[in-house]
Amino acid sequence: MTATVSPAEVRAALLTRGEIALIDLRDEAAFATGHPLFAAQLPFDRIEIEVDQRIPRLTTPIVLYDGSTGTAVSAATKLADLGYDDVRLLEGDLAGWRDAGYELFEDVNSYSKAFGELVEHRRGTPSLPAPEVKALIEDAADIAILDARRFDEFNTMSLPGGISVPGAELVLRARAIAPDPETTIIVNCAGRTRSIIGAQSLINAGIPNPVRALRNGTIGWTLAGQKLAHGRAERFPEVLREDAIEARDRARNVAYRAGVKQIDTATLAGIAREEGRTLYRFDVRTPEEYAGGHLPGFLSAPGGQLVQETDHFAPVRGARIVLADDLDVRADMTASWLAQMGWEVYVLTGGFDMVESDNPHALPPRPAAGRYRRPYEGTDNPAAAMQAYLDWEYGLVDQLARDGTHGFFVI
């Protein structure tokens, strides 16, 4: 019979930053209806496909619940057959968590989004509403609109005149895009998180330009009755060497303030030999750069998406994370955010002379069945759903305070 662990014991592990993987076995749509803050979603039928990458250490403490769908016991057996030796069930399942008086968070990537709201709340990240940005565009004002999402999201829908600059690229590319310090940089995403984190990244790095987030992203744009562009392919330019050096200095200063440490390959090898700790290794450059050559053992996790979807990439809370980037800037900026989110994170310096070009670790995409349709993706979302999503995000700071397990700080 599989052992159980109480909600109070799980919460204690989260508070004391012990390693734990709290796994929700439901499909994504069900997961989005409510889950503990640091739960990670791994459907029963994806265990054999994903678990060795997402939970790489066989002795990791794993806690399972299934929302009373009846898969938890079978999942525990499957994990044991795969070699995992510390698998337990959440006592009382999801209802037990709720009955203990603990918070349930809706949507996906909830703790990354909650962190973004906390950043805006504590730093007062400046933003502009959609009508003001539209007026600036129409007046041909001196602005640069930088879309911090993935390129495919940008291509689907974007602000008129915007260019694709995924979040981790912002500090690296800002000078090439807006060399005049009088140019106002406006950072947008589809909702709120990547706009806030992107704009605050530029502010934290001391970029001299005025920086604003687009308030409420393309959702806010659509709710204001304004038309989006579609099929745009404008992407960030290459960066000059002197600009990359300046950006590296700025990013390193931010990482230092967040408590991030730099390590070399010898130190990484020593960390990797420690059997009692989970180690994630991520390459935070663009997917194209990764495909062209990357360090052995490093998985592709472009920095902006790693901050946005941390629960997916690194479901073992309390693990170590090492980031790699041949220009350092993207790794330092990404690490600065992960550190503020409570991770023990390091930036690897050097080592890019030993690269491989294959990509053996990529997970096959999940099927459409059971997927949660984000209210901010695509072009045909009901206005009520978009407004409800924004209202949910506005409430996350208060919900974090009620939950009390996050351990976030904001520099």
Protein backbone atom coordinates (compact mmCIF):
# COMPACT_ATOMS: atom_id res chain seq x y z
CA MET A 1 0.00 0.00 0.00
CA THR A 2 1.40 3.41 -0.96
CA ALA A 3 2.23 5.67 1.97
CA THR A 4 0.53 9.01 2.43
CA VAL A 5 1.72 12.42 3.54
CA SER A 6 -0.45 15.08 5.16
CA PRO A 7 -1.07 18.50 3.61
CA ALA A 8 0.63 20.04 6.66
CA GLU A 9 3.81 18.03 6.00
CA VAL A 10 3.83 19.08 2.34
CA ARG A 11 3.37 22.69 3.33
CA ALA A 12 6.22 22.39 5.84
CA ALA A 13 8.52 21.05 3.11
CA LEU A 14 7.65 24.03 0.93
CA LEU A 15 8.25 26.49 3.76
CA THR A 16 11.62 25.00 4.68
CA ARG A 17 12.65 24.67 1.00
CA GLY A 18 13.21 20.96 1.16
CA GLU A 19 13.04 19.19 -2.18
CA ILE A 20 9.55 18.10 -3.14
CA ALA A 21 7.65 17.44 -6.35
CA LEU A 22 3.93 17.92 -5.75
CA ILE A 23 2.34 16.36 -8.82
CA ASP A 24 -1.18 16.88 -10.11
CA LEU A 25 -2.16 13.91 -12.29
CA ARG A 26 -5.20 15.54 -13.92
CA ASP A 27 -5.24 16.94 -17.41
CA GLU A 28 -4.36 20.60 -17.84
CA ALA A 29 -7.95 21.85 -18.09
CA ALA A 30 -8.83 20.24 -14.75
CA PHE A 31 -5.56 21.42 -13.18
CA ALA A 32 -6.46 25.00 -14.14
CA THR A 33 -9.63 24.85 -12.02
CA GLY A 34 -7.57 24.85 -8.80
CA HIS A 35 -4.34 23.44 -7.35
CA PRO A 36 -1.74 24.21 -4.64
CA LEU A 37 0.61 27.04 -5.55
CA PHE A 38 3.67 24.89 -6.23
CA ALA A 39 1.91 21.89 -7.75
CA ALA A 40 3.10 20.80 -11.19
CA GLN A 41 0.83 19.16 -13.71
CA LEU A 42 1.87 15.76 -15.12
CA PRO A 43 -0.98 13.67 -16.54
CA PHE A 44 -0.95 9.96 -15.83
CA ASP A 45 -0.52 9.07 -19.51
CA ARG A 46 2.54 11.37 -19.83
CA ILE A 47 4.52 9.94 -16.92
CA GLU A 48 6.74 7.63 -18.94
CA ILE A 49 7.28 10.32 -21.59
CA GLU A 50 8.16 13.26 -19.33
CA VAL A 51 9.16 12.18 -15.85
CA ASP A 52 12.85 11.42 -16.38
CA GLN A 53 13.43 14.93 -17.71
CA ARG A 54 11.16 16.78 -15.31
CA ILE A 55 12.07 14.78 -12.19
CA PRO A 56 15.59 13.57 -13.02
CA ARG A 57 16.61 12.23 -9.58
CA LEU A 58 15.06 8.88 -8.62
CA THR A 59 15.19 9.60 -4.87
CA THR A 60 13.25 12.88 -5.15
CA PRO A 61 10.34 13.05 -2.69
CA ILE A 62 7.24 12.90 -4.90
CA VAL A 63 3.69 13.57 -3.67
CA LEU A 64 0.78 12.65 -5.92
CA TYR A 65 -2.87 13.62 -6.05
CA ASP A 66 -5.45 13.10 -8.78
CA GLY A 67 -8.48 15.19 -7.84
CA SER A 68 -10.39 11.99 -7.08
CA THR A 69 -10.05 10.69 -10.64
CA GLY A 70 -8.63 7.38 -9.41
CA THR A 71 -5.18 7.44 -11.04
CA ALA A 72 -2.93 8.24 -8.08
CA VAL A 73 -2.33 4.66 -6.89
CA SER A 74 -1.60 3.44 -10.41
CA ALA A 75 0.71 6.41 -10.96
CA ALA A 76 2.61 5.59 -7.76
CA THR A 77 3.05 2.02 -8.97
CA LYS A 78 4.24 3.21 -12.37
CA LEU A 79 6.78 5.57 -10.80
CA ALA A 80 8.04 2.80 -8.53
CA ASP A 81 8.48 0.56 -11.57
CA LEU A 82 10.53 3.35 -13.17
CA GLY A 83 12.84 3.41 -10.13
CA TYR A 84 11.45 6.26 -8.04
CA ASP A 85 11.67 5.20 -4.40
CA ASP A 86 10.06 8.03 -2.41
CA VAL A 87 6.53 8.32 -3.80
CA ARG A 88 3.58 9.09 -1.56
CA LEU A 89 -0.04 10.12 -1.94
CA LEU A 90 -1.43 13.38 -0.63
CA GLU A 91 -3.59 12.49 2.35
CA GLY A 92 -7.19 13.36 1.52
CA ASP A 93 -6.19 14.18 -2.06
CA LEU A 94 -6.97 17.70 -3.29
CA ALA A 95 -10.00 17.93 -1.00
CA GLY A 96 -7.67 17.30 1.95
CA TRP A 97 -5.56 20.29 0.95
CA ARG A 98 -8.63 22.48 0.75
CA ASP A 99 -10.10 21.12 3.98
CA ALA A 100 -6.84 21.95 5.77
CA GLY A 101 -7.57 25.60 4.95
CA TYR A 102 -4.87 25.96 2.31
CA GLU A 103 -5.21 28.00 -0.88
CA LEU A 104 -6.02 26.62 -4.32
CA PHE A 105 -4.78 28.65 -7.29
CA GLU A 106 -6.54 28.66 -10.63
CA ASP A 107 -5.08 28.76 -14.15
CA VAL A 108 -1.64 27.47 -15.22
CA ASN A 109 1.88 28.70 -14.41
CA SER A 110 0.19 30.27 -11.41
CA TYR A 111 3.16 30.98 -9.20
CA SER A 112 5.10 32.65 -12.00
CA LYS A 113 2.10 34.85 -12.74
CA ALA A 114 1.59 35.60 -9.06
CA PHE A 115 5.26 36.56 -8.80
CA GLY A 116 4.85 38.97 -11.72
CA GLU A 117 1.95 40.64 -9.94
CA LEU A 118 4.05 40.92 -6.79
CA VAL A 119 6.84 42.59 -8.78
CA GLU A 120 4.45 45.23 -10.11
CA HIS A 121 2.91 45.69 -6.67
CA ARG A 122 6.26 46.25 -4.94
CA ARG A 123 8.18 48.07 -7.66
CA GLY A 124 5.37 50.05 -9.24
CA THR A 125 6.36 48.93 -12.72
CA PRO A 126 5.12 51.77 -14.96
CA SER A 127 2.55 50.94 -17.62
CA LEU A 128 0.39 52.58 -20.26
CA PRO A 129 -3.20 51.63 -21.11
CA ALA A 130 -3.99 50.43 -24.61
CA PRO A 131 -5.71 53.65 -25.82
CA GLU A 132 -2.64 55.74 -24.93
CA VAL A 133 -0.34 53.36 -26.77
CA LYS A 134 -2.62 53.39 -29.81
CA ALA A 135 -2.54 57.20 -29.79
CA LEU A 136 1.27 57.15 -29.67
CA ILE A 137 1.35 54.82 -32.68
CA GLU A 138 -1.05 57.00 -34.63
CA ASP A 139 0.96 60.12 -33.78
CA ALA A 140 4.18 58.44 -34.99
CA ALA A 141 5.71 59.09 -31.58
CA ASP A 142 9.27 58.08 -30.78
CA ILE A 143 8.49 54.63 -29.39
CA ALA A 144 9.66 51.04 -29.81
CA ILE A 145 7.14 48.27 -29.12
CA LEU A 146 8.83 45.06 -28.01
CA ASP A 147 6.74 41.90 -27.76
CA ALA A 148 8.17 39.66 -25.01
CA ARG A 149 6.32 36.47 -25.97
CA ARG A 150 7.51 33.54 -28.08
CA PHE A 151 7.80 34.31 -31.77
CA ASP A 152 4.88 32.03 -32.70
CA GLU A 153 2.62 33.96 -30.30
CA PHE A 154 3.79 37.26 -31.80
CA ASN A 155 3.16 35.96 -35.32
CA THR A 156 -0.41 34.99 -34.40
CA MET A 157 -1.33 38.43 -33.08
CA SER A 158 0.64 41.52 -32.20
CA LEU A 159 0.49 45.27 -31.76
CA PRO A 160 0.82 47.29 -34.97
CA GLY A 161 4.49 48.19 -35.40
CA GLY A 162 5.74 45.79 -32.75
CA ILE A 163 8.71 43.47 -33.11
CA SER A 164 9.38 40.11 -31.51
CA VAL A 165 11.89 40.28 -28.65
CA PRO A 166 11.27 37.29 -26.32
CA GLY A 167 11.76 38.28 -22.69
CA ALA A 168 15.32 37.12 -22.04
CA GLU A 169 16.51 39.00 -25.13
CA LEU A 170 15.26 42.41 -24.00
CA VAL A 171 18.29 43.65 -22.06
CA LEU A 172 20.65 42.22 -24.68
CA ARG A 173 18.88 43.80 -27.66
CA ALA A 174 17.44 47.06 -26.28
CA ARG A 175 20.31 49.30 -27.35
CA ALA A 176 20.29 47.99 -30.91
CA ILE A 177 16.53 48.54 -31.17
CA ALA A 178 16.31 51.90 -29.40
CA PRO A 179 19.77 53.54 -29.51
CA ASP A 180 18.34 56.99 -28.72
CA PRO A 181 17.79 57.16 -24.96
CA GLU A 182 14.80 59.45 -25.62
CA THR A 183 12.92 56.63 -27.36
CA THR A 184 10.22 55.17 -25.12
CA ILE A 185 10.28 51.39 -24.98
CA ILE A 186 6.89 49.70 -24.56
CA VAL A 187 6.94 46.00 -23.61
CA ASN A 188 3.89 43.89 -24.26
CA CYS A 189 2.68 40.32 -23.93
CA ALA A 190 -0.78 38.80 -24.23
CA GLY A 191 -1.75 39.33 -20.60
CA ARG A 192 0.30 40.84 -17.81
CA THR A 193 3.21 38.73 -16.55
CA ARG A 194 5.71 38.92 -19.38
CA SER A 195 4.94 42.62 -19.91
CA ILE A 196 5.68 43.34 -16.26
CA ILE A 197 8.78 41.15 -16.01
CA GLY A 198 10.10 42.41 -19.36
CA ALA A 199 9.65 46.08 -18.53
CA GLN A 200 11.07 45.63 -15.05
CA SER A 201 14.06 43.75 -16.50
CA LEU A 202 14.98 46.82 -18.55
CA ILE A 203 14.44 49.10 -15.56
CA ASN A 204 16.47 46.85 -13.23
CA ALA A 205 19.29 46.79 -15.76
CA GLY A 206 19.41 50.58 -15.88
CA ILE A 207 18.49 50.97 -19.55
CA PRO A 208 18.42 54.79 -20.02
CA ASN A 209 15.23 54.87 -22.10
CA PRO A 210 11.80 55.50 -20.60
CA VAL A 211 10.26 52.02 -20.20
CA ARG A 212 6.59 51.14 -19.92
CA ALA A 213 4.61 47.92 -19.93
CA LEU A 214 1.46 47.69 -22.03
CA ARG A 215 -1.16 47.44 -19.31
CA ASN A 216 -3.02 44.13 -19.63
CA GLY A 217 -1.29 43.22 -22.88
CA THR A 218 -3.19 42.24 -26.00
CA ILE A 219 -6.17 41.41 -23.78
CA GLY A 220 -6.37 45.07 -22.78
CA TRP A 221 -5.87 46.07 -26.41
CA THR A 222 -8.75 43.86 -27.54
CA LEU A 223 -11.07 44.90 -24.70
CA ALA A 224 -10.47 48.52 -25.72
CA GLY A 225 -11.92 47.67 -29.15
CA GLN A 226 -8.58 48.09 -30.94
CA LYS A 227 -7.44 45.89 -33.81
CA LEU A 228 -4.37 43.70 -33.58
CA ALA A 229 -2.00 42.87 -36.42
CA HIS A 230 -1.57 39.30 -37.64
CA GLY A 231 1.18 37.41 -39.41
CA ARG A 232 3.97 39.84 -38.60
CA ALA A 233 7.49 38.43 -38.73
CA GLU A 234 9.65 41.33 -37.51
CA ARG A 235 12.30 40.03 -35.11
CA PHE A 236 15.06 41.54 -33.00
CA PRO A 237 18.30 42.56 -34.77
CA GLU A 238 21.76 41.15 -34.20
CA VAL A 239 23.69 42.78 -31.38
CA LEU A 240 27.03 44.54 -31.78
CA ARG A 241 29.94 43.35 -29.66
CA GLU A 242 30.20 46.60 -27.69
CA ASP A 243 26.47 46.55 -27.00
CA ALA A 244 26.69 42.95 -25.80
CA ILE A 245 29.51 43.87 -23.42
CA GLU A 246 27.51 46.78 -22.01
CA ALA A 247 24.43 44.58 -21.64
CA ARG A 248 26.49 41.89 -19.90
CA ASP A 249 27.73 44.38 -17.33
CA ARG A 250 24.19 45.61 -16.70
CA ALA A 251 22.79 42.09 -16.39
CA ARG A 252 25.57 40.90 -14.13
CA ASN A 253 24.90 43.77 -11.76
CA VAL A 254 21.23 42.77 -11.58
CA ALA A 255 22.12 39.13 -10.95
CA TYR A 256 24.54 40.13 -8.20
CA ARG A 257 21.84 42.17 -6.46
CA ALA A 258 19.57 39.11 -6.58
CA GLY A 259 22.24 36.88 -5.02
CA VAL A 260 23.05 34.84 -8.13
CA LYS A 261 26.45 33.14 -8.18
CA GLN A 262 28.61 32.36 -11.21
CA ILE A 263 30.28 28.94 -11.49
CA ASP A 264 32.74 27.35 -13.91
CA THR A 265 32.56 23.93 -15.53
CA ALA A 266 34.64 22.29 -12.78
CA THR A 267 32.25 23.54 -10.10
CA LEU A 268 29.30 22.38 -12.20
CA ALA A 269 30.81 18.92 -12.44
CA GLY A 270 31.12 18.83 -8.67
CA ILE A 271 27.51 19.89 -8.17
CA ALA A 272 26.35 17.30 -10.69
CA ARG A 273 28.04 14.54 -8.68
CA GLU A 274 26.01 15.32 -5.57
CA GLU A 275 23.44 12.52 -5.49
CA GLY A 276 21.22 14.06 -2.81
CA ARG A 277 20.15 17.14 -4.79
CA THR A 278 18.21 17.56 -8.00
CA LEU A 279 20.02 19.59 -10.64
CA TYR A 280 18.35 21.24 -13.62
CA ARG A 281 20.55 22.53 -16.44
CA PHE A 282 18.95 24.94 -18.90
CA ASP A 283 20.22 26.75 -21.99
CA VAL A 284 18.31 30.05 -22.03
CA ARG A 285 19.30 31.24 -25.51
CA THR A 286 16.93 31.19 -28.47
CA PRO A 287 15.78 27.79 -29.79
CA GLU A 288 17.71 28.47 -33.01
CA GLU A 289 20.95 29.04 -31.13
CA TYR A 290 20.36 25.92 -29.06
CA ALA A 291 19.79 23.81 -32.17
CA GLY A 292 23.06 25.13 -33.61
CA GLY A 293 25.07 23.78 -30.67
CA HIS A 294 24.69 23.51 -26.92
CA LEU A 295 26.41 22.14 -23.86
CA PRO A 296 25.89 18.43 -23.17
CA GLY A 297 23.12 17.82 -20.65
CA PHE A 298 21.55 21.28 -20.98
CA LEU A 299 17.91 21.46 -22.06
CA SER A 300 16.48 24.28 -24.13
CA ALA A 301 14.44 26.69 -21.99
CA PRO A 302 14.46 30.21 -23.49
CA GLY A 303 14.77 32.52 -20.52
CA GLY A 304 11.51 34.42 -20.79
CA GLN A 305 9.53 31.19 -21.01
CA LEU A 306 11.50 29.64 -18.15
CA VAL A 307 10.42 32.49 -15.89
CA GLN A 308 6.84 32.28 -17.22
CA GLU A 309 6.53 28.46 -17.01
CA THR A 310 8.88 27.53 -14.20
CA ASP A 311 6.53 24.88 -12.82
CA HIS A 312 6.66 23.02 -16.12
CA PHE A 313 10.42 23.15 -16.63
CA ALA A 314 11.39 22.56 -12.98
CA PRO A 315 8.63 20.82 -10.99
CA VAL A 316 10.98 19.83 -8.14
CA ARG A 317 10.70 22.75 -5.75
CA GLY A 318 13.94 23.15 -3.79
CA ALA A 319 16.16 21.88 -6.61
CA ARG A 320 19.23 23.63 -7.98
CA ILE A 321 19.21 25.33 -11.38
CA VAL A 322 22.23 26.13 -13.57
CA LEU A 323 21.78 28.39 -16.61
CA ALA A 324 23.99 28.64 -19.68
CA ASP A 325 24.31 31.41 -22.28
CA ASP A 326 27.40 32.14 -24.35
CA LEU A 327 26.76 35.90 -24.00
CA ASP A 328 25.88 35.68 -20.26
CA VAL A 329 23.23 38.42 -20.47
CA ARG A 330 20.21 36.18 -20.85
CA ALA A 331 21.39 33.77 -18.20
CA ASP A 332 22.09 36.54 -15.69
CA MET A 333 18.72 38.24 -16.22
CA THR A 334 16.81 34.95 -16.10
CA ALA A 335 18.71 33.87 -12.99
CA SER A 336 17.93 37.17 -11.29
CA TRP A 337 14.21 36.42 -11.57
CA LEU A 338 14.50 32.76 -10.56
CA ALA A 339 16.49 33.76 -7.49
CA GLN A 340 13.75 36.19 -6.48
CA MET A 341 11.28 33.33 -6.92
CA GLY A 342 13.15 31.35 -4.28
CA TRP A 343 15.41 29.14 -6.40
CA GLU A 344 19.04 28.27 -5.77
CA VAL A 345 20.29 29.29 -9.19
CA TYR A 346 23.74 29.59 -10.76
CA VAL A 347 25.07 30.95 -14.05
CA LEU A 348 27.70 28.91 -15.86
CA THR A 349 30.62 30.96 -17.16
CA GLY A 350 32.50 29.51 -20.11
CA GLY A 351 32.31 25.99 -21.45
CA PHE A 352 30.81 26.77 -24.84
CA ASP A 353 33.81 25.26 -26.60
CA MET A 354 32.34 21.81 -25.88
CA VAL A 355 29.02 21.78 -27.70
CA GLU A 356 26.82 19.18 -29.31
CA SER A 357 24.30 19.81 -32.06
CA ASP A 358 21.72 17.12 -31.45
CA ASN A 359 18.68 17.66 -29.26
CA PRO A 360 17.96 14.33 -27.59
CA HIS A 361 16.07 15.74 -24.64
CA ALA A 362 13.15 17.51 -26.33
CA LEU A 363 9.78 16.30 -25.11
CA PRO A 364 7.19 15.44 -27.75
CA PRO A 365 4.29 17.88 -27.70
CA ARG A 366 1.20 17.07 -25.71
CA PRO A 367 -2.02 16.24 -27.55
CA ALA A 368 -4.79 18.81 -27.74
CA ALA A 369 -7.18 16.69 -25.65
CA GLY A 370 -7.44 17.99 -22.09
CA ARG A 371 -5.48 21.15 -22.82
CA TYR A 372 -6.52 24.35 -21.06
CA ARG A 373 -7.35 27.13 -23.49
CA ARG A 374 -5.70 30.26 -22.13
CA PRO A 375 -7.97 33.31 -22.24
CA TYR A 376 -5.11 35.35 -23.69
CA GLU A 377 -4.14 33.10 -26.61
CA GLY A 378 -5.59 33.05 -30.09
CA THR A 379 -7.90 35.60 -31.60
CA ASP A 380 -11.43 34.48 -30.74
CA ASN A 381 -11.66 34.62 -26.95
CA PRO A 382 -14.88 35.93 -25.39
CA ALA A 383 -14.53 39.35 -23.79
CA ALA A 384 -15.98 38.04 -20.52
CA ALA A 385 -13.31 35.34 -20.30
CA MET A 386 -10.53 37.86 -20.93
CA GLN A 387 -11.86 40.24 -18.29
CA ALA A 388 -12.27 37.40 -15.80
CA TYR A 389 -8.65 36.42 -16.40
CA LEU A 390 -7.45 39.95 -15.69
CA ASP A 391 -9.57 40.09 -12.53
CA TRP A 392 -7.97 36.82 -11.41
CA GLU A 393 -4.48 38.19 -11.95
CA TYR A 394 -5.28 41.36 -9.99
CA GLY A 395 -6.17 39.17 -6.99
CA LEU A 396 -2.99 37.10 -6.96
CA VAL A 397 -0.98 39.32 -4.60
CA ASP A 398 -3.60 38.97 -1.89
CA GLN A 399 -3.86 35.23 -2.51
CA LEU A 400 -0.09 34.87 -2.17
CA ALA A 401 -0.32 36.53 1.23
CA ARG A 402 -3.08 34.17 2.34
CA ASP A 403 -1.15 31.13 1.11
CA GLY A 404 2.09 32.11 2.83
CA THR A 405 4.41 29.52 1.21
CA HIS A 406 5.99 31.46 -1.65
CA GLY A 407 9.20 32.86 -0.17
CA PHE A 408 9.49 35.41 -3.02
CA PHE A 409 11.44 38.65 -2.69
CA VAL A 410 11.73 41.59 -5.08
CA ILE A 411 14.95 43.54 -5.56
